[in-house]
Amino acid sequence: MKSLMTASAVAMSLGLTISTSAQDTRPTSPQNSPLAQATPAQRDPGRQSPLAAAAADTNGKAGSAHMMNSVPPQSVTVTDWYKQSVYDPSNNKIGEIKDVVLSQDGKVNALIIGVGGFLSMGEKDVAVPFDAVKHTTKDGKVYLTLDTTKDALKAAPGLRYDRNTTTWVSDSK
């Protein structure tokens, strides 16, 4: 009996949703859109990243962003780095890229590599300079190498991501 009542309630709510959404299919003008009338959530400017602040700064001019018709030659995407395995010179996997760290002007200056552990348990995150990791292609796939050993990475100072400050900080365990 209880499941019959629950099923009836779900069916009724679906019927109401379908009937109300089917009533008017005309486009809404942008001024009358519920999205335009909702007040956007305000983010604390003290917690906004410098890159987001720079991207949001359009000097009050709508449509002042510059568009590109193509990307610069020899460009690589973040997906060539992020969540990719890293190997030592002897082709042994020594870690995985966990994050790509940008400077305030948008240039990549460090990579965070997760090393050790099993299924992210006991894993340690360390930073290496971006230019220390060599990017090549092997068998049609991205292949990243770092001239060090897994033990050297495990011995390096560990980092942890602080969600409150959105930065990597020393992991003083």
N, C-alpha and C. Protein backbone atom coordinates (compact mmCIF):
# COMPACT_ATOMS: atom_id res chain seq x y z
N MET A 1 0.82 -1.19 0.00
CA MET A 1 0.00 0.00 0.00
C MET A 1 0.87 1.26 0.00
N LYS A 2 1.93 1.25 0.82
CA LYS A 2 2.83 2.40 0.92
C LYS A 2 3.53 2.64 -0.41
N SER A 3 3.98 1.55 -1.08
CA SER A 3 4.66 1.72 -2.36
C SER A 3 3.69 2.20 -3.43
N LEU A 4 2.42 1.81 -3.36
CA LEU A 4 1.42 2.28 -4.30
C LEU A 4 1.20 3.78 -4.13
N MET A 5 1.17 4.25 -2.89
CA MET A 5 0.99 5.68 -2.64
C MET A 5 2.20 6.46 -3.13
N THR A 6 3.41 5.92 -2.90
CA THR A 6 4.63 6.58 -3.35
C THR A 6 4.65 6.66 -4.87
N ALA A 7 4.31 5.56 -5.54
CA ALA A 7 4.28 5.54 -7.00
C ALA A 7 3.26 6.54 -7.52
N SER A 8 2.11 6.64 -6.87
CA SER A 8 1.08 7.60 -7.29
C SER A 8 1.58 9.03 -7.13
N ALA A 9 2.26 9.31 -6.04
CA ALA A 9 2.79 10.66 -5.81
C ALA A 9 3.83 11.02 -6.86
N VAL A 10 4.70 10.09 -7.20
CA VAL A 10 5.73 10.34 -8.22
C VAL A 10 5.05 10.58 -9.57
N ALA A 11 4.07 9.75 -9.91
CA ALA A 11 3.37 9.91 -11.18
C ALA A 11 2.66 11.25 -11.26
N MET A 12 2.05 11.67 -10.16
CA MET A 12 1.36 12.95 -10.15
C MET A 12 2.33 14.11 -10.31
N SER A 13 3.47 14.04 -9.64
CA SER A 13 4.44 15.12 -9.76
C SER A 13 5.03 15.17 -11.16
N LEU A 14 5.24 14.02 -11.78
CA LEU A 14 5.71 13.99 -13.16
C LEU A 14 4.66 14.59 -14.08
N GLY A 15 3.42 14.24 -13.86
CA GLY A 15 2.33 14.78 -14.67
C GLY A 15 2.24 16.28 -14.56
N LEU A 16 2.39 16.79 -13.35
CA LEU A 16 2.36 18.24 -13.15
C LEU A 16 3.53 18.90 -13.83
N THR A 17 4.71 18.30 -13.73
CA THR A 17 5.90 18.86 -14.35
C THR A 17 5.74 18.88 -15.87
N ILE A 18 5.25 17.79 -16.44
CA ILE A 18 5.09 17.72 -17.88
C ILE A 18 4.02 18.69 -18.34
N SER A 19 2.90 18.76 -17.63
CA SER A 19 1.83 19.64 -18.08
C SER A 19 2.22 21.10 -17.97
N THR A 20 2.97 21.50 -16.93
CA THR A 20 3.36 22.90 -16.80
C THR A 20 4.45 23.25 -17.80
N SER A 21 5.33 22.32 -18.10
CA SER A 21 6.38 22.63 -19.07
C SER A 21 5.84 22.61 -20.48
N ALA A 22 4.72 21.95 -20.73
CA ALA A 22 4.15 21.88 -22.06
C ALA A 22 3.21 23.03 -22.34
N GLN A 23 2.91 23.87 -21.35
CA GLN A 23 1.94 24.94 -21.54
C GLN A 23 2.41 26.01 -22.50
N ASP A 24 3.64 26.47 -22.37
CA ASP A 24 4.10 27.58 -23.19
C ASP A 24 5.49 27.27 -23.71
N THR A 25 5.61 27.11 -25.01
CA THR A 25 6.91 26.77 -25.58
C THR A 25 7.53 27.95 -26.31
N ARG A 26 6.89 29.13 -26.22
CA ARG A 26 7.46 30.30 -26.87
C ARG A 26 8.72 30.74 -26.15
N PRO A 27 9.72 31.24 -26.89
CA PRO A 27 10.94 31.71 -26.23
C PRO A 27 10.65 32.91 -25.34
N THR A 28 11.35 32.99 -24.26
CA THR A 28 11.21 34.09 -23.32
C THR A 28 12.22 35.15 -23.68
N SER A 29 11.84 36.41 -23.61
CA SER A 29 12.80 37.47 -23.88
C SER A 29 13.85 37.46 -22.77
N PRO A 30 15.07 37.85 -23.09
CA PRO A 30 16.14 37.79 -22.08
C PRO A 30 15.83 38.56 -20.80
N GLN A 31 15.09 39.68 -20.91
CA GLN A 31 14.77 40.47 -19.72
C GLN A 31 13.80 39.74 -18.80
N ASN A 32 12.92 38.89 -19.36
CA ASN A 32 11.92 38.20 -18.57
C ASN A 32 12.36 36.80 -18.16
N SER A 33 13.54 36.41 -18.54
CA SER A 33 14.05 35.08 -18.21
C SER A 33 14.23 34.95 -16.70
N PRO A 34 13.85 33.80 -16.14
CA PRO A 34 14.08 33.58 -14.71
C PRO A 34 15.55 33.68 -14.35
N LEU A 35 16.42 33.36 -15.32
CA LEU A 35 17.86 33.45 -15.05
C LEU A 35 18.29 34.90 -14.90
N ALA A 36 17.70 35.79 -15.69
CA ALA A 36 18.05 37.21 -15.61
C ALA A 36 17.54 37.83 -14.33
N GLN A 37 16.44 37.31 -13.80
CA GLN A 37 15.85 37.88 -12.60
C GLN A 37 16.49 37.36 -11.33
N ALA A 38 17.15 36.22 -11.41
CA ALA A 38 17.79 35.66 -10.22
C ALA A 38 19.07 36.44 -9.94
N THR A 39 19.33 36.71 -8.71
CA THR A 39 20.55 37.38 -8.33
C THR A 39 21.67 36.37 -8.30
N PRO A 40 22.75 36.60 -9.06
CA PRO A 40 23.84 35.63 -9.06
C PRO A 40 24.52 35.57 -7.70
N ALA A 41 25.01 34.41 -7.36
CA ALA A 41 25.72 34.24 -6.09
C ALA A 41 26.99 35.08 -6.12
N GLN A 42 27.21 35.82 -5.07
CA GLN A 42 28.39 36.67 -4.99
C GLN A 42 29.54 35.90 -4.36
N ARG A 43 30.69 35.93 -5.01
CA ARG A 43 31.87 35.28 -4.48
C ARG A 43 32.69 36.31 -3.74
N ASP A 44 33.26 35.93 -2.66
CA ASP A 44 34.11 36.81 -1.88
C ASP A 44 35.30 37.21 -2.74
N PRO A 45 35.46 38.51 -3.10
CA PRO A 45 36.56 38.91 -3.97
C PRO A 45 37.93 38.61 -3.36
N GLY A 46 38.01 38.50 -2.06
CA GLY A 46 39.27 38.15 -1.43
C GLY A 46 39.68 36.72 -1.71
N ARG A 47 38.71 35.87 -2.09
CA ARG A 47 39.00 34.47 -2.37
C ARG A 47 39.06 34.20 -3.87
N GLN A 48 38.82 35.21 -4.70
CA GLN A 48 38.82 35.01 -6.14
C GLN A 48 40.25 34.90 -6.63
N SER A 49 40.48 33.97 -7.54
CA SER A 49 41.83 33.79 -8.05
C SER A 49 42.21 34.99 -8.91
N PRO A 50 43.49 35.30 -9.00
CA PRO A 50 43.92 36.43 -9.84
C PRO A 50 43.56 36.21 -11.31
N LEU A 51 43.60 34.96 -11.77
CA LEU A 51 43.26 34.70 -13.16
C LEU A 51 41.78 34.95 -13.42
N ALA A 52 40.91 34.56 -12.48
CA ALA A 52 39.49 34.79 -12.64
C ALA A 52 39.19 36.28 -12.60
N ALA A 53 39.88 37.01 -11.72
CA ALA A 53 39.68 38.45 -11.63
C ALA A 53 40.10 39.13 -12.93
N ALA A 54 41.21 38.69 -13.50
CA ALA A 54 41.68 39.28 -14.76
C ALA A 54 40.72 38.96 -15.89
N ALA A 55 40.19 37.75 -15.90
CA ALA A 55 39.24 37.35 -16.95
C ALA A 55 37.93 38.12 -16.81
N ALA A 56 37.53 38.44 -15.60
CA ALA A 56 36.27 39.15 -15.37
C ALA A 56 36.40 40.64 -15.63
N ASP A 57 37.63 41.17 -15.64
CA ASP A 57 37.85 42.60 -15.83
C ASP A 57 37.74 42.95 -17.31
N THR A 58 36.61 43.51 -17.70
CA THR A 58 36.40 43.92 -19.09
C THR A 58 36.21 45.43 -19.19
N ASN A 59 36.59 46.14 -18.15
CA ASN A 59 36.45 47.60 -18.09
C ASN A 59 35.02 48.05 -18.37
N GLY A 60 34.03 47.24 -17.98
CA GLY A 60 32.64 47.61 -18.13
C GLY A 60 32.10 47.51 -19.55
N LYS A 61 32.88 47.01 -20.49
CA LYS A 61 32.43 46.92 -21.87
C LYS A 61 31.96 45.50 -22.15
N ALA A 62 30.72 45.38 -22.55
CA ALA A 62 30.20 44.06 -22.92
C ALA A 62 30.80 43.66 -24.25
N GLY A 63 31.23 42.41 -24.35
CA GLY A 63 31.77 41.90 -25.61
C GLY A 63 33.17 42.38 -25.92
N SER A 64 33.94 42.76 -24.91
CA SER A 64 35.29 43.26 -25.17
C SER A 64 36.33 42.16 -25.16
N ALA A 65 35.92 40.90 -24.97
CA ALA A 65 36.88 39.79 -24.98
C ALA A 65 37.38 39.57 -26.39
N HIS A 66 38.64 39.20 -26.50
CA HIS A 66 39.23 38.91 -27.80
C HIS A 66 39.04 37.44 -28.13
N MET A 67 38.63 37.15 -29.34
CA MET A 67 38.42 35.78 -29.78
C MET A 67 39.54 35.38 -30.74
N MET A 68 39.83 34.10 -30.76
CA MET A 68 40.88 33.58 -31.64
C MET A 68 40.23 32.69 -32.70
N ASN A 69 40.73 32.74 -33.90
CA ASN A 69 40.27 31.87 -34.97
C ASN A 69 41.00 30.54 -34.95
N SER A 70 42.15 30.51 -34.30
CA SER A 70 42.93 29.28 -34.18
C SER A 70 43.85 29.41 -32.97
N VAL A 71 44.44 28.32 -32.57
CA VAL A 71 45.40 28.36 -31.46
C VAL A 71 46.80 28.51 -32.03
N PRO A 72 47.71 29.06 -31.24
CA PRO A 72 49.08 29.23 -31.74
C PRO A 72 49.70 27.88 -32.12
N PRO A 73 50.54 27.89 -33.15
CA PRO A 73 51.19 26.63 -33.56
C PRO A 73 52.04 26.07 -32.41
N GLN A 74 52.20 24.78 -32.40
CA GLN A 74 52.98 24.07 -31.39
C GLN A 74 52.35 24.09 -30.01
N SER A 75 51.08 24.48 -29.92
CA SER A 75 50.39 24.48 -28.63
C SER A 75 50.08 23.05 -28.21
N VAL A 76 50.05 22.83 -26.92
CA VAL A 76 49.61 21.54 -26.38
C VAL A 76 48.49 21.84 -25.38
N THR A 77 47.60 20.89 -25.20
CA THR A 77 46.49 21.11 -24.29
C THR A 77 46.84 20.62 -22.90
N VAL A 78 46.10 21.07 -21.92
CA VAL A 78 46.31 20.62 -20.55
C VAL A 78 46.07 19.12 -20.45
N THR A 79 45.19 18.58 -21.29
CA THR A 79 44.93 17.14 -21.24
C THR A 79 46.15 16.31 -21.61
N ASP A 80 47.15 16.94 -22.25
CA ASP A 80 48.41 16.24 -22.51
C ASP A 80 49.23 16.07 -21.24
N TRP A 81 48.86 16.76 -20.18
CA TRP A 81 49.60 16.71 -18.93
C TRP A 81 48.76 16.18 -17.78
N TYR A 82 47.57 16.77 -17.58
CA TYR A 82 46.72 16.47 -16.43
C TYR A 82 46.28 15.00 -16.44
N LYS A 83 46.48 14.35 -15.29
CA LYS A 83 46.11 12.94 -15.08
C LYS A 83 46.88 11.98 -15.99
N GLN A 84 48.05 12.40 -16.44
CA GLN A 84 48.90 11.54 -17.26
C GLN A 84 49.97 10.90 -16.37
N SER A 85 50.35 9.71 -16.72
CA SER A 85 51.41 9.02 -15.99
C SER A 85 52.75 9.64 -16.32
N VAL A 86 53.67 9.59 -15.34
CA VAL A 86 55.02 10.10 -15.51
C VAL A 86 55.98 8.93 -15.31
N TYR A 87 56.98 8.85 -16.18
CA TYR A 87 57.93 7.73 -16.16
C TYR A 87 59.34 8.23 -15.92
N ASP A 88 60.19 7.37 -15.34
CA ASP A 88 61.60 7.69 -15.17
C ASP A 88 62.32 7.34 -16.47
N PRO A 89 63.63 7.64 -16.57
CA PRO A 89 64.37 7.34 -17.81
C PRO A 89 64.40 5.84 -18.17
N SER A 90 64.14 4.95 -17.19
CA SER A 90 64.14 3.51 -17.45
C SER A 90 62.74 2.99 -17.77
N ASN A 91 61.81 3.89 -18.06
CA ASN A 91 60.42 3.56 -18.42
C ASN A 91 59.61 2.96 -17.27
N ASN A 92 59.99 3.23 -16.03
CA ASN A 92 59.21 2.81 -14.87
C ASN A 92 58.26 3.95 -14.50
N LYS A 93 56.98 3.61 -14.26
CA LYS A 93 56.03 4.64 -13.85
C LYS A 93 56.41 5.12 -12.45
N ILE A 94 56.54 6.44 -12.30
CA ILE A 94 56.92 6.99 -11.00
C ILE A 94 55.83 7.86 -10.39
N GLY A 95 54.77 8.14 -11.13
CA GLY A 95 53.71 8.97 -10.57
C GLY A 95 52.71 9.38 -11.63
N GLU A 96 51.81 10.28 -11.22
CA GLU A 96 50.78 10.80 -12.12
C GLU A 96 50.59 12.28 -11.86
N ILE A 97 50.40 13.05 -12.92
CA ILE A 97 50.17 14.49 -12.77
C ILE A 97 48.80 14.69 -12.12
N LYS A 98 48.79 15.35 -10.97
CA LYS A 98 47.55 15.61 -10.24
C LYS A 98 47.01 17.01 -10.50
N ASP A 99 47.91 17.95 -10.81
CA ASP A 99 47.49 19.32 -11.03
C ASP A 99 48.52 20.04 -11.88
N VAL A 100 48.05 21.04 -12.59
CA VAL A 100 48.91 21.92 -13.39
C VAL A 100 48.80 23.29 -12.73
N VAL A 101 49.92 23.82 -12.23
CA VAL A 101 49.93 25.07 -11.46
C VAL A 101 50.34 26.22 -12.38
N LEU A 102 49.51 27.27 -12.39
CA LEU A 102 49.76 28.43 -13.23
C LEU A 102 50.26 29.61 -12.41
N SER A 103 51.08 30.45 -13.05
CA SER A 103 51.48 31.71 -12.41
C SER A 103 50.34 32.70 -12.60
N GLN A 104 50.43 33.86 -11.97
CA GLN A 104 49.34 34.84 -12.07
C GLN A 104 49.15 35.36 -13.49
N ASP A 105 50.20 35.29 -14.31
CA ASP A 105 50.04 35.74 -15.70
C ASP A 105 49.62 34.61 -16.63
N GLY A 106 49.28 33.43 -16.07
CA GLY A 106 48.71 32.34 -16.85
C GLY A 106 49.70 31.36 -17.43
N LYS A 107 50.96 31.46 -17.09
CA LYS A 107 51.96 30.53 -17.59
C LYS A 107 52.09 29.34 -16.63
N VAL A 108 52.30 28.16 -17.20
CA VAL A 108 52.48 26.97 -16.37
C VAL A 108 53.86 27.04 -15.74
N ASN A 109 53.93 26.93 -14.41
CA ASN A 109 55.23 26.97 -13.77
C ASN A 109 55.54 25.75 -12.91
N ALA A 110 54.55 24.91 -12.62
CA ALA A 110 54.81 23.71 -11.82
C ALA A 110 53.76 22.64 -12.13
N LEU A 111 54.16 21.42 -11.87
CA LEU A 111 53.25 20.28 -11.97
C LEU A 111 53.23 19.59 -10.62
N ILE A 112 52.06 19.17 -10.17
CA ILE A 112 51.94 18.40 -8.94
C ILE A 112 51.85 16.93 -9.35
N ILE A 113 52.75 16.14 -8.82
CA ILE A 113 52.80 14.72 -9.15
C ILE A 113 52.44 13.90 -7.91
N GLY A 114 51.48 13.01 -8.07
CA GLY A 114 51.12 12.07 -7.01
C GLY A 114 52.03 10.86 -7.14
N VAL A 115 52.70 10.49 -6.05
CA VAL A 115 53.65 9.38 -6.09
C VAL A 115 53.38 8.43 -4.93
N GLY A 116 53.58 7.15 -5.19
CA GLY A 116 53.41 6.13 -4.15
C GLY A 116 51.95 5.85 -3.87
N GLY A 117 51.72 5.03 -2.90
CA GLY A 117 50.37 4.70 -2.50
C GLY A 117 49.71 3.70 -3.43
N PHE A 118 48.49 3.34 -3.07
CA PHE A 118 47.70 2.40 -3.85
C PHE A 118 46.27 2.90 -3.85
N LEU A 119 45.69 3.12 -5.02
CA LEU A 119 44.35 3.67 -5.17
C LEU A 119 44.20 4.97 -4.37
N SER A 120 45.20 5.82 -4.49
CA SER A 120 45.27 7.13 -3.82
C SER A 120 45.41 7.05 -2.31
N MET A 121 45.54 5.85 -1.74
CA MET A 121 45.76 5.71 -0.31
C MET A 121 47.27 5.75 -0.07
N GLY A 122 47.72 6.63 0.79
CA GLY A 122 49.14 6.74 1.10
C GLY A 122 49.92 7.47 0.03
N GLU A 123 49.23 8.07 -0.93
CA GLU A 123 49.90 8.80 -1.99
C GLU A 123 50.42 10.13 -1.46
N LYS A 124 51.54 10.56 -2.02
CA LYS A 124 52.15 11.82 -1.62
C LYS A 124 52.17 12.73 -2.85
N ASP A 125 51.83 13.99 -2.67
CA ASP A 125 51.85 14.96 -3.77
C ASP A 125 53.08 15.84 -3.63
N VAL A 126 53.83 15.95 -4.72
CA VAL A 126 55.03 16.78 -4.74
C VAL A 126 54.99 17.69 -5.96
N ALA A 127 55.67 18.83 -5.86
CA ALA A 127 55.74 19.78 -6.97
C ALA A 127 57.08 19.63 -7.68
N VAL A 128 57.01 19.71 -9.00
CA VAL A 128 58.23 19.74 -9.82
C VAL A 128 58.08 20.89 -10.81
N PRO A 129 59.20 21.48 -11.21
CA PRO A 129 59.12 22.55 -12.22
C PRO A 129 58.54 22.01 -13.52
N PHE A 130 57.75 22.80 -14.17
CA PHE A 130 57.11 22.37 -15.41
C PHE A 130 58.12 21.91 -16.45
N ASP A 131 59.21 22.65 -16.58
CA ASP A 131 60.19 22.29 -17.62
C ASP A 131 61.02 21.06 -17.28
N ALA A 132 60.88 20.50 -16.08
CA ALA A 132 61.60 19.27 -15.72
C ALA A 132 60.95 18.03 -16.33
N VAL A 133 59.67 18.12 -16.68
CA VAL A 133 58.95 16.98 -17.26
C VAL A 133 59.00 17.10 -18.78
N LYS A 134 59.52 16.09 -19.41
CA LYS A 134 59.66 16.09 -20.88
C LYS A 134 58.43 15.45 -21.51
N HIS A 135 57.88 16.13 -22.50
CA HIS A 135 56.66 15.71 -23.19
C HIS A 135 57.03 15.13 -24.56
N THR A 136 56.71 13.86 -24.77
CA THR A 136 56.93 13.23 -26.07
C THR A 136 55.70 12.40 -26.43
N THR A 137 55.74 11.80 -27.59
CA THR A 137 54.67 10.91 -28.02
C THR A 137 55.28 9.54 -28.26
N LYS A 138 54.61 8.52 -27.72
CA LYS A 138 55.09 7.15 -27.87
C LYS A 138 53.88 6.28 -28.24
N ASP A 139 53.97 5.59 -29.35
CA ASP A 139 52.88 4.76 -29.85
C ASP A 139 51.58 5.56 -29.99
N GLY A 140 51.70 6.81 -30.43
CA GLY A 140 50.53 7.66 -30.64
C GLY A 140 49.91 8.22 -29.38
N LYS A 141 50.56 8.06 -28.23
CA LYS A 141 50.02 8.56 -26.96
C LYS A 141 51.03 9.48 -26.30
N VAL A 142 50.51 10.34 -25.44
CA VAL A 142 51.36 11.24 -24.67
C VAL A 142 52.24 10.42 -23.74
N TYR A 143 53.51 10.77 -23.68
CA TYR A 143 54.45 10.05 -22.83
C TYR A 143 55.30 11.09 -22.11
N LEU A 144 55.17 11.14 -20.78
CA LEU A 144 55.88 12.13 -19.97
C LEU A 144 57.00 11.46 -19.19
N THR A 145 58.18 12.07 -19.22
CA THR A 145 59.31 11.52 -18.46
C THR A 145 59.90 12.60 -17.56
N LEU A 146 60.45 12.14 -16.45
CA LEU A 146 61.10 13.00 -15.47
C LEU A 146 62.41 12.33 -15.08
N ASP A 147 63.49 13.07 -15.13
CA ASP A 147 64.80 12.52 -14.85
C ASP A 147 65.04 12.41 -13.34
N THR A 148 64.32 11.46 -12.73
CA THR A 148 64.47 11.18 -11.30
C THR A 148 63.92 9.79 -11.03
N THR A 149 63.96 9.39 -9.79
CA THR A 149 63.42 8.08 -9.42
C THR A 149 62.18 8.25 -8.55
N LYS A 150 61.44 7.18 -8.41
CA LYS A 150 60.26 7.19 -7.54
C LYS A 150 60.67 7.45 -6.09
N ASP A 151 61.79 6.86 -5.67
CA ASP A 151 62.26 7.07 -4.30
C ASP A 151 62.62 8.53 -4.05
N ALA A 152 63.21 9.20 -5.04
CA ALA A 152 63.56 10.61 -4.88
C ALA A 152 62.28 11.45 -4.74
N LEU A 153 61.25 11.12 -5.51
CA LEU A 153 59.98 11.84 -5.38
C LEU A 153 59.35 11.60 -4.02
N LYS A 154 59.42 10.35 -3.54
CA LYS A 154 58.85 10.04 -2.23
C LYS A 154 59.58 10.80 -1.12
N ALA A 155 60.86 11.08 -1.31
CA ALA A 155 61.65 11.79 -0.30
C ALA A 155 61.48 13.31 -0.37
N ALA A 156 60.89 13.80 -1.46
CA ALA A 156 60.70 15.25 -1.63
C ALA A 156 59.64 15.76 -0.65
N PRO A 157 59.67 17.06 -0.35
CA PRO A 157 58.66 17.64 0.54
C PRO A 157 57.25 17.45 -0.03
N GLY A 158 56.34 17.00 0.81
CA GLY A 158 54.97 16.76 0.38
C GLY A 158 54.12 18.02 0.43
N LEU A 159 53.09 18.03 -0.40
CA LEU A 159 52.15 19.14 -0.45
C LEU A 159 50.73 18.61 -0.30
N ARG A 160 49.83 19.50 0.10
CA ARG A 160 48.41 19.16 0.13
C ARG A 160 47.65 20.36 -0.40
N TYR A 161 46.50 20.08 -1.01
CA TYR A 161 45.68 21.15 -1.57
C TYR A 161 44.77 21.70 -0.49
N ASP A 162 44.84 23.01 -0.27
CA ASP A 162 44.00 23.69 0.71
C ASP A 162 42.81 24.29 -0.03
N ARG A 163 41.63 23.72 0.16
CA ARG A 163 40.42 24.17 -0.54
C ARG A 163 40.00 25.58 -0.12
N ASN A 164 40.34 25.99 1.09
CA ASN A 164 39.95 27.32 1.55
C ASN A 164 40.72 28.42 0.83
N THR A 165 42.00 28.18 0.58
CA THR A 165 42.81 29.19 -0.10
C THR A 165 43.04 28.85 -1.57
N THR A 166 42.57 27.69 -2.01
CA THR A 166 42.75 27.17 -3.38
C THR A 166 44.21 27.22 -3.82
N THR A 167 45.09 26.78 -2.91
CA THR A 167 46.51 26.71 -3.23
C THR A 167 47.08 25.41 -2.65
N TRP A 168 48.26 25.07 -3.13
CA TRP A 168 49.00 23.94 -2.58
C TRP A 168 49.87 24.45 -1.46
N VAL A 169 49.83 23.78 -0.31
CA VAL A 169 50.61 24.20 0.86
C VAL A 169 51.41 23.01 1.37
N SER A 170 52.38 23.30 2.18
CA SER A 170 53.23 22.25 2.75
C SER A 170 52.38 21.28 3.56
N ASP A 171 52.65 20.01 3.36
CA ASP A 171 51.95 18.97 4.12
C ASP A 171 52.85 18.56 5.27
N SER A 172 52.70 19.22 6.40
CA SER A 172 53.57 18.99 7.54
C SER A 172 52.97 17.90 8.44
N LYS A 173 53.09 16.66 7.98
CA LYS A 173 52.58 15.53 8.77
C LYS A 173 53.64 15.05 9.73
